[in-house]
C-alpha cells in the first residue's frame, strides 16, 4: 500500500498546532500556579556545641608551630645510637595532661 505524502502535510500541521496549544495551556497553568503558591520558607543552619568545639580545636591546631624536621632527625639519630632516654615520670604526666584535655572536650555529650 502506497502512502500519499503530498496530501499528508495538512494532517501533520493540524497535529503540530494541537500539540503547541496543549503545551501553551500547560505553561500558562503552571505560571498561574507558581504565582499563587505560598511563600517559600528560608533555610536555617545551627551549629552544634560539638561542632563548635571541633572548630576551636582546629583553630588551636592551626596556631601550633610546624614540625621541626631538624629536631625530628636529631631524635631519630639519638634513638638509633641509643642516646635517647625516656623519663617515665614526665611521660606519664604528659599522658595524664593529654587525657585531661580530651576529657574537657566532652565529645558525645549534649
PDB file of N, CA and C in Angstrom:
ATOM      1  N   UNK A   1       0.843  -1.170   0.000  1.00  0.00           N
ATOM      2  CA  UNK A   1       0.000   0.000   0.000  1.00  0.00           C
ATOM      3  C   UNK A   1       0.887   1.230   0.000  1.00  0.00           C
ATOM      4  N   UNK A   2       0.616   2.155  -0.882  1.00  0.00           N
ATOM      5  CA  UNK A   2       1.417   3.371  -1.017  1.00  0.00           C
ATOM      6  C   UNK A   2       0.851   4.462  -0.144  1.00  0.00           C
ATOM      7  N   UNK A   3       1.750   5.315   0.381  1.00  0.00           N
ATOM      8  CA  UNK A   3       1.345   6.441   1.224  1.00  0.00           C
ATOM      9  C   UNK A   3       1.486   7.709   0.404  1.00  0.00           C
ATOM     10  N   UNK A   4       0.446   8.522   0.434  1.00  0.00           N
ATOM     11  CA  UNK A   4       0.465   9.775  -0.303  1.00  0.00           C
ATOM     12  C   UNK A   4       1.035  10.861   0.611  1.00  0.00           C
ATOM     13  N   UNK A   5       2.301  11.201   0.428  1.00  0.00           N
ATOM     14  CA  UNK A   5       2.985  12.173   1.275  1.00  0.00           C
ATOM     15  C   UNK A   5       2.484  13.586   1.004  1.00  0.00           C
ATOM     16  N   UNK A   6       2.147  13.891  -0.200  1.00  0.00           N
ATOM     17  CA  UNK A   6       1.749  15.243  -0.565  1.00  0.00           C
ATOM     18  C   UNK A   6       0.487  15.679   0.170  1.00  0.00           C
ATOM     19  N   UNK A   7      -0.461  14.792   0.342  1.00  0.00           N
ATOM     20  CA  UNK A   7      -1.727  15.157   0.981  1.00  0.00           C
ATOM     21  C   UNK A   7      -1.671  15.007   2.498  1.00  0.00           C
ATOM     22  N   UNK A   8      -0.598  14.465   3.029  1.00  0.00           N
ATOM     23  CA  UNK A   8      -0.463  14.193   4.461  1.00  0.00           C
ATOM     24  C   UNK A   8      -0.007  15.428   5.241  1.00  0.00           C
ATOM     25  N   UNK A   9       0.476  16.478   4.603  1.00  0.00           N
ATOM     26  CA  UNK A   9       1.015  17.654   5.297  1.00  0.00           C
ATOM     27  C   UNK A   9      -0.052  18.414   6.066  1.00  0.00           C
ATOM     28  N   UNK A  10      -1.244  18.441   5.609  1.00  0.00           N
ATOM     29  CA  UNK A  10      -2.321  19.142   6.307  1.00  0.00           C
ATOM     30  C   UNK A  10      -2.586  18.489   7.653  1.00  0.00           C
ATOM     31  N   UNK A  11      -2.573  17.168   7.688  1.00  0.00           N
ATOM     32  CA  UNK A  11      -2.808  16.441   8.935  1.00  0.00           C
ATOM     33  C   UNK A  11      -1.669  16.705   9.911  1.00  0.00           C
ATOM     34  N   UNK A  12      -0.415  16.701   9.431  1.00  0.00           N
ATOM     35  CA  UNK A  12       0.743  16.982  10.292  1.00  0.00           C
ATOM     36  C   UNK A  12       0.672  18.388  10.878  1.00  0.00           C
ATOM     37  N   UNK A  13       0.246  19.343  10.076  1.00  0.00           N
ATOM     38  CA  UNK A  13       0.120  20.721  10.547  1.00  0.00           C
ATOM     39  C   UNK A  13      -0.928  20.819  11.639  1.00  0.00           C
ATOM     40  N   UNK A  14      -2.040  20.133  11.458  1.00  0.00           N
ATOM     41  CA  UNK A  14      -3.096  20.155  12.464  1.00  0.00           C
ATOM     42  C   UNK A  14      -2.618  19.526  13.772  1.00  0.00           C
ATOM     43  N   UNK A  15      -1.886  18.405  13.690  1.00  0.00           N
ATOM     44  CA  UNK A  15      -1.367  17.746  14.884  1.00  0.00           C
ATOM     45  C   UNK A  15      -0.359  18.637  15.606  1.00  0.00           C
ATOM     46  N   UNK A  16       0.535  19.260  14.839  1.00  0.00           N
ATOM     47  CA  UNK A  16       1.545  20.127  15.424  1.00  0.00           C
ATOM     48  C   UNK A  16       0.879  21.315  16.117  1.00  0.00           C
ATOM     49  N   UNK A  17      -0.134  21.912  15.507  1.00  0.00           N
ATOM     50  CA  UNK A  17      -0.845  23.042  16.096  1.00  0.00           C
ATOM     51  C   UNK A  17      -1.548  22.620  17.382  1.00  0.00           C
ATOM     52  N   UNK A  18      -2.146  21.447  17.393  1.00  0.00           N
ATOM     53  CA  UNK A  18      -2.831  20.955  18.591  1.00  0.00           C
ATOM     54  C   UNK A  18      -1.833  20.732  19.723  1.00  0.00           C
ATOM     55  N   UNK A  19      -0.665  20.180  19.414  1.00  0.00           N
ATOM     56  CA  UNK A  19       0.365  19.954  20.437  1.00  0.00           C
ATOM     57  C   UNK A  19       0.852  21.284  21.013  1.00  0.00           C
ATOM     58  N   UNK A  20       1.090  22.265  20.162  1.00  0.00           N
ATOM     59  CA  UNK A  20       1.554  23.575  20.624  1.00  0.00           C
ATOM     60  C   UNK A  20       0.513  24.229  21.527  1.00  0.00           C
ATOM     61  N   UNK A  21      -0.756  24.103  21.198  1.00  0.00           N
ATOM     62  CA  UNK A  21      -1.825  24.677  22.011  1.00  0.00           C
ATOM     63  C   UNK A  21      -1.854  24.025  23.386  1.00  0.00           C
ATOM     64  N   UNK A  22      -1.720  22.691  23.434  1.00  0.00           N
ATOM     65  CA  UNK A  22      -1.698  21.988  24.716  1.00  0.00           C
ATOM     66  C   UNK A  22      -0.491  22.431  25.542  1.00  0.00           C
ATOM     67  N   UNK A  23       0.649  22.555  24.886  1.00  0.00           N
ATOM     68  CA  UNK A  23       1.873  22.957  25.579  1.00  0.00           C
ATOM     69  C   UNK A  23       1.735  24.359  26.152  1.00  0.00           C
ATOM     70  N   UNK A  24       1.177  25.285  25.378  1.00  0.00           N
ATOM     71  CA  UNK A  24       0.986  26.659  25.843  1.00  0.00           C
ATOM     72  C   UNK A  24       0.005  26.708  27.012  1.00  0.00           C
ATOM     73  N   UNK A  25      -1.043  25.899  26.957  1.00  0.00           N
ATOM     74  CA  UNK A  25      -2.030  25.863  28.042  1.00  0.00           C
ATOM     75  C   UNK A  25      -1.385  25.361  29.325  1.00  0.00           C
ATOM     76  N   UNK A  26      -0.561  24.318  29.217  1.00  0.00           N
ATOM     77  CA  UNK A  26       0.125  23.785  30.388  1.00  0.00           C
ATOM     78  C   UNK A  26       1.078  24.823  30.969  1.00  0.00           C
ATOM     79  N   UNK A  27       1.807  25.546  30.111  1.00  0.00           N
ATOM     80  CA  UNK A  27       2.733  26.572  30.574  1.00  0.00           C
ATOM     81  C   UNK A  27       2.000  27.688  31.306  1.00  0.00           C
ATOM     82  N   UNK A  28       0.862  28.112  30.753  1.00  0.00           N
ATOM     83  CA  UNK A  28       0.074  29.168  31.386  1.00  0.00           C
ATOM     84  C   UNK A  28      -0.452  28.718  32.745  1.00  0.00           C
ATOM     85  N   UNK A  29      -0.927  27.484  32.831  1.00  0.00           N
ATOM     86  CA  UNK A  29      -1.440  26.947  34.092  1.00  0.00           C
ATOM     87  C   UNK A  29      -0.335  26.880  35.136  1.00  0.00           C
ATOM     88  N   UNK A  30       0.852  26.455  34.727  1.00  0.00           N
ATOM     89  CA  UNK A  30       1.990  26.362  35.653  1.00  0.00           C
ATOM     90  C   UNK A  30       2.395  27.743  36.143  1.00  0.00           C
ATOM     91  N   UNK A  31       2.358  28.740  35.268  1.00  0.00           N
ATOM     92  CA  UNK A  31       2.726  30.099  35.658  1.00  0.00           C
ATOM     93  C   UNK A  31       1.741  30.663  36.672  1.00  0.00           C
ATOM     94  N   UNK A  32       0.452  30.421  36.482  1.00  0.00           N
ATOM     95  CA  UNK A  32      -0.570  30.897  37.416  1.00  0.00           C
ATOM     96  C   UNK A  32      -0.403  30.200  38.766  1.00  0.00           C
ATOM     97  N   UNK A  33      -0.164  28.897  38.742  1.00  0.00           N
ATOM     98  CA  UNK A  33       0.018  28.137  39.982  1.00  0.00           C
ATOM     99  C   UNK A  33       1.242  28.630  40.739  1.00  0.00           C
ATOM    100  N   UNK A  34       2.282  28.968  40.014  1.00  0.00           N
ATOM    101  CA  UNK A  34       3.509  29.451  40.654  1.00  0.00           C
ATOM    102  C   UNK A  34       3.286  30.812  41.306  1.00  0.00           C
ATOM    103  N   UNK A  35       2.515  31.675  40.682  1.00  0.00           N
ATOM    104  CA  UNK A  35       2.254  32.997  41.240  1.00  0.00           C
ATOM    105  C   UNK A  35       1.406  32.924  42.504  1.00  0.00           C
ATOM    106  N   UNK A  36       0.485  31.973  42.568  1.00  0.00           N
ATOM    107  CA  UNK A  36      -0.409  31.875  43.714  1.00  0.00           C
ATOM    108  C   UNK A  36       0.126  30.951  44.809  1.00  0.00           C
ATOM    109  N   UNK A  37       1.300  30.380  44.618  1.00  0.00           N
ATOM    110  CA  UNK A  37       1.870  29.459  45.612  1.00  0.00           C
ATOM    111  C   UNK A  37       2.245  30.224  46.874  1.00  0.00           C
ATOM    112  N   UNK A  38       2.281  29.509  47.992  1.00  0.00           N
ATOM    113  CA  UNK A  38       2.642  30.129  49.258  1.00  0.00           C
ATOM    114  C   UNK A  38       4.121  30.499  49.239  1.00  0.00           C
ATOM    115  N   UNK A  39       4.510  31.505  50.015  1.00  0.00           N
ATOM    116  CA  UNK A  39       5.917  31.918  50.032  1.00  0.00           C
ATOM    117  C   UNK A  39       6.803  30.781  50.541  1.00  0.00           C
ATOM    118  N   UNK A  40       7.986  30.713  49.987  1.00  0.00           N
ATOM    119  CA  UNK A  40       8.931  29.657  50.347  1.00  0.00           C
ATOM    120  C   UNK A  40       9.606  30.019  51.669  1.00  0.00           C
ATOM    121  N   UNK A  41       9.689  29.049  52.556  1.00  0.00           N
ATOM    122  CA  UNK A  41      10.365  29.278  53.830  1.00  0.00           C
ATOM    123  C   UNK A  41      11.867  29.306  53.599  1.00  0.00           C
ATOM    124  N   UNK A  42      12.550  30.115  54.361  1.00  0.00           N
ATOM    125  CA  UNK A  42      14.002  30.191  54.228  1.00  0.00           C
ATOM    126  C   UNK A  42      14.649  29.101  55.069  1.00  0.00           C
ATOM    127  N   UNK A  43      15.798  28.656  54.643  1.00  0.00           N
ATOM    128  CA  UNK A  43      16.541  27.634  55.364  1.00  0.00           C
ATOM    129  C   UNK A  43      17.330  28.274  56.497  1.00  0.00           C
ATOM    130  N   UNK A  44      17.611  27.487  57.510  1.00  0.00           N
ATOM    131  CA  UNK A  44      18.437  27.977  58.601  1.00  0.00           C
ATOM    132  C   UNK A  44      19.419  26.886  58.998  1.00  0.00           C
ATOM    133  N   UNK A  45      20.537  27.300  59.537  1.00  0.00           N
ATOM    134  CA  UNK A  45      21.579  26.374  59.949  1.00  0.00           C
ATOM    135  C   UNK A  45      21.928  26.657  61.396  1.00  0.00           C
ATOM    136  N   UNK A  46      22.067  25.596  62.178  1.00  0.00           N
ATOM    137  CA  UNK A  46      22.533  25.776  63.543  1.00  0.00           C
ATOM    138  C   UNK A  46      23.719  24.834  63.764  1.00  0.00           C
ATOM    139  N   UNK A  47      24.732  25.348  64.407  1.00  0.00           N
ATOM    140  CA  UNK A  47      25.947  24.582  64.648  1.00  0.00           C
ATOM    141  C   UNK A  47      25.892  24.034  66.061  1.00  0.00           C
ATOM    142  N   UNK A  48      26.097  22.734  66.187  1.00  0.00           N
ATOM    143  CA  UNK A  48      26.049  22.105  67.497  1.00  0.00           C
ATOM    144  C   UNK A  48      27.259  22.515  68.327  1.00  0.00           C
ATOM    145  N   UNK A  49      27.142  22.313  69.629  1.00  0.00           N
ATOM    146  CA  UNK A  49      28.262  22.656  70.503  1.00  0.00           C
ATOM    147  C   UNK A  49      29.474  21.780  70.195  1.00  0.00           C
ATOM    148  N   UNK A  50      29.229  20.549  69.786  1.00  0.00           N
ATOM    149  CA  UNK A  50      30.336  19.662  69.439  1.00  0.00           C
ATOM    150  C   UNK A  50      31.079  20.195  68.206  1.00  0.00           C
ATOM    151  N   UNK A  51      30.343  20.682  67.223  1.00  0.00           N
ATOM    152  CA  UNK A  51      30.975  21.255  66.037  1.00  0.00           C
ATOM    153  C   UNK A  51      31.762  22.510  66.399  1.00  0.00           C
ATOM    154  N   UNK A  52      31.233  23.299  67.321  1.00  0.00           N
ATOM    155  CA  UNK A  52      31.950  24.493  67.764  1.00  0.00           C
ATOM    156  C   UNK A  52      33.244  24.112  68.473  1.00  0.00           C
ATOM    157  N   UNK A  53      33.204  23.042  69.284  1.00  0.00           N
ATOM    158  CA  UNK A  53      34.413  22.575  69.956  1.00  0.00           C
ATOM    159  C   UNK A  53      35.440  22.079  68.944  1.00  0.00           C
ATOM    160  N   UNK A  54      34.982  21.362  67.936  1.00  0.00           N
ATOM    161  CA  UNK A  54      35.897  20.898  66.897  1.00  0.00           C
ATOM    162  C   UNK A  54      36.519  22.069  66.147  1.00  0.00           C
ATOM    163  N   UNK A  55      35.727  23.086  65.910  1.00  0.00           N
ATOM    164  CA  UNK A  55      36.242  24.261  65.229  1.00  0.00           C
ATOM    165  C   UNK A  55      37.302  24.956  66.089  1.00  0.00           C
ATOM    166  N   UNK A  56      37.063  25.020  67.393  1.00  0.00           N
ATOM    167  CA  UNK A  56      38.047  25.596  68.304  1.00  0.00           C
ATOM    168  C   UNK A  56      39.333  24.791  68.327  1.00  0.00           C
ATOM    169  N   UNK A  57      39.203  23.460  68.339  1.00  0.00           N
ATOM    170  CA  UNK A  57      40.384  22.599  68.319  1.00  0.00           C
ATOM    171  C   UNK A  57      41.167  22.779  67.026  1.00  0.00           C
ATOM    172  N   UNK A  58      40.452  22.936  65.929  1.00  0.00           N
ATOM    173  CA  UNK A  58      41.106  23.147  64.640  1.00  0.00           C
ATOM    174  C   UNK A  58      41.866  24.477  64.636  1.00  0.00           C
ATOM    175  N   UNK A  59      41.286  25.494  65.226  1.00  0.00           N
ATOM    176  CA  UNK A  59      41.943  26.788  65.305  1.00  0.00           C
ATOM    177  C   UNK A  59      43.219  26.694  66.137  1.00  0.00           C
ATOM    178  N   UNK A  60      43.142  25.964  67.263  1.00  0.00           N
ATOM    179  CA  UNK A  60      44.329  25.782  68.096  1.00  0.00           C
ATOM    180  C   UNK A  60      45.421  25.031  67.346  1.00  0.00           C
ATOM    181  N   UNK A  61      45.014  24.004  66.609  1.00  0.00           N
ATOM    182  CA  UNK A  61      45.993  23.224  65.839  1.00  0.00           C
ATOM    183  C   UNK A  61      46.671  24.085  64.782  1.00  0.00           C
ATOM    184  N   UNK A  62      45.900  24.965  64.172  1.00  0.00           N
ATOM    185  CA  UNK A  62      46.459  25.822  63.133  1.00  0.00           C
ATOM    186  C   UNK A  62      47.471  26.805  63.713  1.00  0.00           C
ATOM    187  N   UNK A  63      47.296  27.161  64.990  1.00  0.00           N
ATOM    188  CA  UNK A  63      48.210  28.128  65.593  1.00  0.00           C
ATOM    189  C   UNK A  63      49.494  27.480  66.108  1.00  0.00           C
ATOM    190  N   UNK A  64      49.528  26.143  66.166  1.00  0.00           N
ATOM    191  CA  UNK A  64      50.733  25.455  66.621  1.00  0.00           C
ATOM    192  C   UNK A  64      51.827  25.555  65.561  1.00  0.00           C
ATOM    193  N   UNK A  65      53.080  25.542  65.993  1.00  0.00           N
ATOM    194  CA  UNK A  65      54.168  25.644  65.009  1.00  0.00           C
ATOM    195  C   UNK A  65      54.273  24.380  64.161  1.00  0.00           C
ATOM    196  N   UNK A  66      54.871  24.540  62.998  1.00  0.00           N
ATOM    197  CA  UNK A  66      55.085  23.409  62.101  1.00  0.00           C
ATOM    198  C   UNK A  66      56.076  22.433  62.731  1.00  0.00           C
ATOM    199  N   UNK A  67      56.148  21.226  62.202  1.00  0.00           N
ATOM    200  CA  UNK A  67      57.077  20.207  62.694  1.00  0.00           C
ATOM    201  C   UNK A  67      58.498  20.614  62.319  1.00  0.00           C
ATOM    202  N   UNK A  68      59.373  20.563  63.313  1.00  0.00           N
ATOM    203  CA  UNK A  68      60.778  20.890  63.092  1.00  0.00           C
ATOM    204  C   UNK A  68      61.499  19.623  62.617  1.00  0.00           C
ATOM    205  N   UNK A  69      61.692  19.526  61.327  1.00  0.00           N
ATOM    206  CA  UNK A  69      62.287  18.323  60.746  1.00  0.00           C
ATOM    207  C   UNK A  69      63.716  18.094  61.237  1.00  0.00           C
ATOM    208  N   UNK A  70      64.429  19.158  61.523  1.00  0.00           N
ATOM    209  CA  UNK A  70      65.800  19.030  62.021  1.00  0.00           C
ATOM    210  C   UNK A  70      65.792  18.340  63.389  1.00  0.00           C
ATOM    211  N   UNK A  71      64.869  18.754  64.256  1.00  0.00           N
ATOM    212  CA  UNK A  71      64.769  18.150  65.588  1.00  0.00           C
ATOM    213  C   UNK A  71      64.352  16.680  65.487  1.00  0.00           C
ATOM    214  N   UNK A  72      63.434  16.379  64.581  1.00  0.00           N
ATOM    215  CA  UNK A  72      62.996  15.001  64.374  1.00  0.00           C
ATOM    216  C   UNK A  72      64.175  14.140  63.935  1.00  0.00           C
ATOM    217  N   UNK A  73      64.990  14.645  63.031  1.00  0.00           N
ATOM    218  CA  UNK A  73      66.163  13.895  62.559  1.00  0.00           C
ATOM    219  C   UNK A  73      67.162  13.669  63.697  1.00  0.00           C
ATOM    220  N   UNK A  74      67.338  14.685  64.558  1.00  0.00           N
ATOM    221  CA  UNK A  74      68.251  14.540  65.701  1.00  0.00           C
ATOM    222  C   UNK A  74      67.755  13.468  66.666  1.00  0.00           C
ATOM    223  N   UNK A  75      66.465  13.452  66.925  1.00  0.00           N
ATOM    224  CA  UNK A  75      65.888  12.459  67.849  1.00  0.00           C
ATOM    225  C   UNK A  75      66.007  11.050  67.246  1.00  0.00           C
ATOM    226  N   UNK A  76      65.742  10.924  65.955  1.00  0.00           N
ATOM    227  CA  UNK A  76      65.885   9.621  65.298  1.00  0.00           C
ATOM    228  C   UNK A  76      67.318   9.111  65.411  1.00  0.00           C
ATOM    229  N   UNK A  77      68.273   9.992  65.209  1.00  0.00           N
ATOM    230  CA  UNK A  77      69.685   9.619  65.314  1.00  0.00           C
ATOM    231  C   UNK A  77      70.015   9.201  66.738  1.00  0.00           C
ATOM    232  N   UNK A  78      69.522   9.964  67.722  1.00  0.00           N
ATOM    233  CA  UNK A  78      69.785   9.634  69.127  1.00  0.00           C
ATOM    234  C   UNK A  78      69.177   8.286  69.491  1.00  0.00           C
ATOM    235  N   UNK A  79      67.989   7.992  68.982  1.00  0.00           N
ATOM    236  CA  UNK A  79      67.347   6.699  69.258  1.00  0.00           C
ATOM    237  C   UNK A  79      68.170   5.566  68.643  1.00  0.00           C
ATOM    238  N   UNK A  80      68.572   5.755  67.393  1.00  0.00           N
ATOM    239  CA  UNK A  80      69.334   4.697  66.717  1.00  0.00           C
ATOM    240  C   UNK A  80      70.699   4.471  67.367  1.00  0.00           C
ATOM    241  N   UNK A  81      71.282   5.495  67.957  1.00  0.00           N
ATOM    242  CA  UNK A  81      72.583   5.369  68.634  1.00  0.00           C
ATOM    243  C   UNK A  81      72.435   4.968  70.101  1.00  0.00           C
ATOM    244  N   UNK A  82      71.181   4.917  70.604  1.00  0.00           N
ATOM    245  CA  UNK A  82      70.950   4.529  71.992  1.00  0.00           C
ATOM    246  C   UNK A  82      71.177   5.651  72.990  1.00  0.00           C
ATOM    247  N   UNK A  83      71.247   6.884  72.534  1.00  0.00           N
ATOM    248  CA  UNK A  83      71.464   8.038  73.410  1.00  0.00           C
ATOM    249  C   UNK A  83      70.166   8.653  73.918  1.00  0.00           C
ATOM    250  N   UNK A  84      69.050   8.297  73.347  1.00  0.00           N
ATOM    251  CA  UNK A  84      67.770   8.910  73.706  1.00  0.00           C
ATOM    252  C   UNK A  84      67.200   8.200  74.926  1.00  0.00           C
ATOM    253  N   UNK A  85      67.013   8.952  75.989  1.00  0.00           N
ATOM    254  CA  UNK A  85      66.487   8.394  77.245  1.00  0.00           C
ATOM    255  C   UNK A  85      65.072   8.933  77.471  1.00  0.00           C
ATOM    256  N   UNK A  86      64.181   8.050  77.892  1.00  0.00           N
ATOM    257  CA  UNK A  86      62.798   8.430  78.175  1.00  0.00           C
ATOM    258  C   UNK A  86      62.635   8.559  79.679  1.00  0.00           C
ATOM    259  N   UNK A  87      62.103   9.699  80.123  1.00  0.00           N
ATOM    260  CA  UNK A  87      61.800   9.917  81.539  1.00  0.00           C
ATOM    261  C   UNK A  87      60.374   9.421  81.767  1.00  0.00           C
ATOM    262  N   UNK A  88      60.205   8.253  82.424  1.00  0.00           N
ATOM    263  CA  UNK A  88      58.857   7.684  82.567  1.00  0.00           C
ATOM    264  C   UNK A  88      57.899   8.572  83.354  1.00  0.00           C
ATOM    265  N   UNK A  89      58.387   9.309  84.341  1.00  0.00           N
ATOM    266  CA  UNK A  89      57.513  10.189  85.127  1.00  0.00           C
ATOM    267  C   UNK A  89      57.009  11.347  84.276  1.00  0.00           C
ATOM    268  N   UNK A  90      57.895  11.916  83.475  1.00  0.00           N
ATOM    269  CA  UNK A  90      57.491  13.025  82.606  1.00  0.00           C
ATOM    270  C   UNK A  90      56.507  12.528  81.540  1.00  0.00           C
ATOM    271  N   UNK A  91      56.775  11.332  80.994  1.00  0.00           N
ATOM    272  CA  UNK A  91      55.885  10.747  80.002  1.00  0.00           C
ATOM    273  C   UNK A  91      54.497  10.499  80.597  1.00  0.00           C
ATOM    274  N   UNK A  92      54.435   9.965  81.794  1.00  0.00           N
ATOM    275  CA  UNK A  92      53.154   9.707  82.462  1.00  0.00           C
ATOM    276  C   UNK A  92      52.405  11.010  82.722  1.00  0.00           C
ATOM    277  N   UNK A  93      53.122  12.049  83.137  1.00  0.00           N
ATOM    278  CA  UNK A  93      52.492  13.348  83.389  1.00  0.00           C
ATOM    279  C   UNK A  93      51.920  13.930  82.095  1.00  0.00           C
ATOM    280  N   UNK A  94      52.657  13.785  80.999  1.00  0.00           N
ATOM    281  CA  UNK A  94      52.177  14.299  79.707  1.00  0.00           C
ATOM    282  C   UNK A  94      50.945  13.529  79.224  1.00  0.00           C
ATOM    283  N   UNK A  95      50.952  12.220  79.421  1.00  0.00           N
ATOM    284  CA  UNK A  95      49.793  11.416  79.016  1.00  0.00           C
ATOM    285  C   UNK A  95      48.566  11.806  79.837  1.00  0.00           C
ATOM    286  N   UNK A  96      48.757  11.984  81.148  1.00  0.00           N
ATOM    287  CA  UNK A  96      47.642  12.384  82.015  1.00  0.00           C
ATOM    288  C   UNK A  96      47.106  13.753  81.617  1.00  0.00           C
ATOM    289  N   UNK A  97      48.003  14.666  81.286  1.00  0.00           N
ATOM    290  CA  UNK A  97      47.590  16.004  80.856  1.00  0.00           C
ATOM    291  C   UNK A  97      46.779  15.934  79.553  1.00  0.00           C
ATOM    292  N   UNK A  98      47.247  15.113  78.640  1.00  0.00           N
ATOM    293  CA  UNK A  98      46.552  14.946  77.368  1.00  0.00           C
ATOM    294  C   UNK A  98      45.161  14.359  77.584  1.00  0.00           C
ATOM    295  N   UNK A  99      45.063  13.350  78.426  1.00  0.00           N
ATOM    296  CA  UNK A  99      43.766  12.730  78.734  1.00  0.00           C
ATOM    297  C   UNK A  99      42.810  13.741  79.378  1.00  0.00           C
ATOM    298  N   UNK A 100      43.339  14.589  80.240  1.00  0.00           N
ATOM    299  CA  UNK A 100      42.505  15.603  80.895  1.00  0.00           C
ATOM    300  C   UNK A 100      41.960  16.600  79.873  1.00  0.00           C
ATOM    301  N   UNK A 101      42.804  16.983  78.922  1.00  0.00           N
ATOM    302  CA  UNK A 101      42.353  17.905  77.867  1.00  0.00           C
ATOM    303  C   UNK A 101      41.268  17.258  77.008  1.00  0.00           C
ATOM    304  N   UNK A 102      41.439  15.986  76.678  1.00  0.00           N
ATOM    305  CA  UNK A 102      40.420  15.287  75.893  1.00  0.00           C
ATOM    306  C   UNK A 102      39.119  15.170  76.673  1.00  0.00           C
ATOM    307  N   UNK A 103      39.229  14.908  77.966  1.00  0.00           N
ATOM    308  CA  UNK A 103      38.038  14.797  78.806  1.00  0.00           C
ATOM    309  C   UNK A 103      37.257  16.093  78.905  1.00  0.00           C
ATOM    310  N   UNK A 104      37.960  17.212  78.829  1.00  0.00           N
ATOM    311  CA  UNK A 104      37.287  18.507  78.946  1.00  0.00           C
ATOM    312  C   UNK A 104      36.509  18.856  77.668  1.00  0.00           C
ATOM    313  N   UNK A 105      36.823  18.182  76.558  1.00  0.00           N
ATOM    314  CA  UNK A 105      36.109  18.446  75.308  1.00  0.00           C
ATOM    315  C   UNK A 105      34.708  17.851  75.337  1.00  0.00           C
ATOM    316  N   UNK A 106      34.487  16.831  76.122  1.00  0.00           N
ATOM    317  CA  UNK A 106      33.185  16.175  76.325  1.00  0.00           C
ATOM    318  C   UNK A 106      32.471  15.830  75.021  1.00  0.00           C
ATOM    319  N   UNK A 107      33.126  15.071  74.175  1.00  0.00           N
ATOM    320  CA  UNK A 107      32.505  14.615  72.933  1.00  0.00           C
ATOM    321  C   UNK A 107      31.379  13.642  73.249  1.00  0.00           C
ATOM    322  N   UNK A 108      30.317  13.728  72.484  1.00  0.00           N
ATOM    323  CA  UNK A 108      29.195  12.819  72.639  1.00  0.00           C
ATOM    324  C   UNK A 108      28.199  13.237  73.706  1.00  0.00           C
ATOM    325  N   UNK A 109      28.497  14.277  74.476  1.00  0.00           N
ATOM    326  CA  UNK A 109      27.572  14.756  75.499  1.00  0.00           C
ATOM    327  C   UNK A 109      26.964  16.063  75.012  1.00  0.00           C
ATOM    328  N   UNK A 110      25.653  16.118  75.002  1.00  0.00           N
ATOM    329  CA  UNK A 110      24.992  17.369  74.585  1.00  0.00           C
ATOM    330  C   UNK A 110      23.848  17.679  75.478  1.00  0.00           C
TER     331      UNK A 110
END
